[in-house]
Protein backbone atom coordinates (compact mmCIF):
# COMPACT_ATOMS: atom_id res chain seq x y z
CA MET A 1 141.38 -27.10 106.65
CA SER A 2 143.82 -27.78 104.10
CA ARG A 3 147.18 -25.92 104.00
CA MET A 4 146.96 -24.06 101.61
CA GLU A 5 143.48 -22.61 103.24
CA SER A 6 145.41 -22.11 106.35
CA GLU A 7 148.42 -19.98 104.75
CA SER A 8 145.03 -17.62 102.94
CA VAL A 9 143.55 -17.18 106.74
CA GLN A 10 146.91 -16.14 108.15
CA SER A 11 147.07 -14.17 105.42
CA GLU A 12 144.13 -12.33 106.18
CA ALA A 13 144.62 -11.93 109.86
CA ALA A 14 147.87 -11.08 109.26
CA GLY A 15 145.77 -8.07 105.90
CA ILE A 16 143.28 -7.24 108.80
CA GLY A 17 145.55 -6.97 111.38
CA GLN A 18 147.81 -4.62 109.50
CA ASN A 19 144.11 -1.86 108.22
CA ILE A 20 143.45 -1.62 111.89
CA LYS A 21 147.16 -0.41 112.53
CA ASP A 22 146.32 1.79 109.60
CA MET A 23 143.59 3.56 111.27
CA GLY A 24 144.76 3.53 114.77
CA SER A 25 148.05 6.09 112.76
CA LYS A 26 145.64 7.85 110.60
CA ALA A 27 143.71 8.52 114.03
CA LYS A 28 146.33 9.47 116.05
CA ASP A 29 147.25 11.61 113.17
CA MET A 30 144.12 12.68 112.73
CA ALA A 31 143.70 13.50 116.84
CA GLN A 32 147.11 15.40 116.24
CA GLU A 33 146.39 17.72 114.06
CA GLN A 34 142.97 18.77 116.00
CA PHE A 35 145.28 19.41 118.58
CA GLU A 36 147.89 21.66 117.04
CA GLN A 37 144.83 23.82 115.03
CA LEU A 38 142.96 24.25 118.91
CA ARG A 39 146.33 25.37 120.45
CA SER A 40 146.98 27.90 117.86
CA THR A 41 143.20 28.84 118.39
CA ALA A 42 143.59 29.06 122.18
CA SER A 43 147.45 31.27 121.86
CA GLU A 44 145.61 33.53 119.11
CA TYR A 45 142.54 33.80 121.23
CA TYR A 46 145.71 34.96 124.32
CA GLN A 47 147.16 37.24 122.62
CA GLN A 48 143.97 39.15 121.55
CA GLY A 49 143.18 39.40 124.79
CA ARG A 50 146.18 40.46 126.30
CA GLN A 51 145.71 43.21 123.71
CA LYS A 52 142.79 44.22 124.42
CA LEU A 53 143.08 44.44 127.90
CA GLY A 54 146.25 46.25 127.44
CA GLU A 55 144.09 49.30 125.39
CA TRP A 56 141.12 48.90 128.01
CA GLU A 57 143.89 49.89 130.74
CA ASP A 58 145.62 52.22 128.60
CA SER A 59 142.37 53.88 128.14
CA LEU A 60 141.17 53.71 131.91
CA GLU A 61 144.51 55.88 132.74
CA GLN A 62 144.26 57.79 130.43
CA TYR A 63 140.73 58.21 131.38
CA VAL A 64 141.96 58.86 135.90
CA ARG A 65 144.85 61.02 134.14
CA GLU A 66 142.04 63.54 132.36
CA GLN A 67 138.99 63.43 135.47
CA PRO A 68 140.82 62.45 138.62
CA MET A 69 138.35 63.48 140.87
CA LYS A 70 135.80 61.88 138.84
CA SER A 71 137.27 58.61 139.00
CA LEU A 72 138.35 58.94 142.32
CA LEU A 73 133.93 59.22 143.14
CA ILE A 74 133.42 56.19 141.30
CA ALA A 75 136.68 54.26 142.95
CA ALA A 76 134.78 54.39 146.53
CA GLY A 77 131.55 54.01 145.99
CA VAL A 78 132.62 50.82 143.83
CA GLY A 79 134.71 50.16 147.45
CA ALA A 80 131.31 51.24 149.08
CA LEU A 81 129.02 49.07 147.39
CA LEU A 82 131.27 45.60 147.10
CA GLY A 83 132.07 46.24 150.93
CA ILE A 84 127.83 46.32 151.69
CA LEU A 85 127.89 42.89 149.77
CA TRP A 86 129.96 41.60 151.20
CA ARG A 87 129.30 41.98 154.57
CA ARG A 88 125.62 41.11 153.25
CA SER A 89 126.94 37.47 152.89
């Protein structure tokens, strides 16, 4: 192999190596971007869940204040049912 051919092969190899590095860098950037999007979406869902839970808690509290006896009987019934199920298992 002549010196010119050897330099050409080395140049191609260096170019291929650079292309591989560039592809790796792009893949890393894409993965980072996807991760950030997923984290942002998860954070939004978490906040929405907290808000819904707060709303549910407020409505439950209001119901208990409006219907204290009914609420107590429902809680006792649920507790008895859970006790029966717990005893069976």
